[in-house]
Protein backbone atom coordinates (compact mmCIF):
# COMPACT_ATOMS: atom_id res chain seq x y z
CA MET A 1 -13.58 -1.12 -12.04
CA GLU A 2 -10.35 -1.69 -10.18
CA ARG A 3 -7.73 1.05 -10.54
CA CYS A 4 -3.95 1.12 -10.66
CA SER A 5 -2.37 1.77 -7.25
CA GLU A 6 0.21 4.35 -8.44
CA THR A 7 0.02 7.88 -7.01
CA ALA A 8 1.74 11.24 -7.53
CA VAL A 9 1.61 14.75 -6.08
CA LEU A 10 0.78 17.79 -8.25
CA ILE A 11 1.92 21.20 -7.01
CA VAL A 12 0.23 24.12 -8.79
CA THR A 13 2.22 27.35 -8.65
CA LEU A 14 1.55 30.95 -9.65
CA THR A 15 3.40 34.23 -9.80
CA PRO A 16 1.48 36.92 -7.87
CA ALA A 17 1.07 40.24 -9.69
CA GLY A 18 3.93 42.64 -9.02
CA THR A 19 6.42 39.95 -7.98
CA ALA A 20 8.99 37.70 -9.64
CA THR A 21 8.44 34.84 -7.19
CA ASN A 22 6.53 31.62 -7.79
CA VAL A 23 4.39 30.43 -4.88
CA ALA A 24 2.55 27.17 -4.33
CA ARG A 25 -1.17 27.63 -4.82
CA ARG A 26 -2.43 24.06 -4.38
CA ARG A 27 -1.17 20.57 -3.53
CA ILE A 28 -3.19 17.79 -5.17
CA GLU A 29 -2.88 14.05 -4.48
CA LEU A 30 -3.23 12.14 -7.76
CA ASP A 31 -4.34 8.54 -8.31
CA CYS A 32 -3.90 6.71 -11.60
CA ASP A 33 -7.28 6.22 -13.37
CA LEU A 34 -6.13 3.22 -15.42
CA ALA A 35 -6.58 -0.50 -14.75
CA PRO A 36 -3.87 -2.39 -12.81
CA GLY A 37 -1.06 -3.70 -15.03
CA HIS A 38 -1.65 -1.14 -17.80
CA ALA A 39 1.12 -0.31 -20.28
CA GLY A 40 2.67 3.15 -20.55
CA PRO A 41 2.56 6.14 -18.20
CA HIS A 42 0.09 6.56 -15.36
CA ARG A 43 -2.74 9.06 -15.92
CA ASN A 44 -5.16 11.21 -13.99
CA ALA A 45 -7.81 12.49 -16.41
CA LYS A 46 -9.42 14.98 -14.03
CA HIS A 47 -6.19 16.99 -13.68
CA ARG A 48 -4.83 16.12 -17.17
CA VAL A 49 -1.53 14.72 -15.85
CA GLU A 50 0.65 11.77 -16.89
CA TRP A 51 3.64 10.41 -14.94
CA GLU A 52 6.04 7.48 -14.66
CA SER A 53 6.15 5.13 -11.65
CA GLY A 54 7.75 6.20 -8.37
CA ARG A 55 5.35 8.73 -6.77
CA PRO A 56 6.79 11.78 -8.49
CA LEU A 57 6.31 15.41 -7.61
CA ILE A 58 4.81 17.25 -10.60
CA LEU A 59 4.90 21.05 -10.91
CA ARG A 60 2.39 23.01 -13.00
CA HIS A 61 2.57 26.79 -13.31
CA GLU A 62 -0.68 28.72 -13.80
CA ASP A 63 -0.85 32.47 -14.38
CA GLU A 64 -2.89 34.47 -11.89
CA VAL A 65 -6.16 35.70 -13.38
CA PRO A 66 -7.03 39.28 -12.30
């Protein structure tokens, strides 16, 4: 199946224990899983992210697990 050509970047951040600072943990290149010409927002099911056109930068904060 042909996929949409839209992309985005997901930055996953966390706050290390004992600090008040967020740091980047991972940078993930996202591709839209939907067919070309689809209606609505772009989606990447693996990372559970939706976005609008324009190669956005998406931030997701995750708490550090001890």
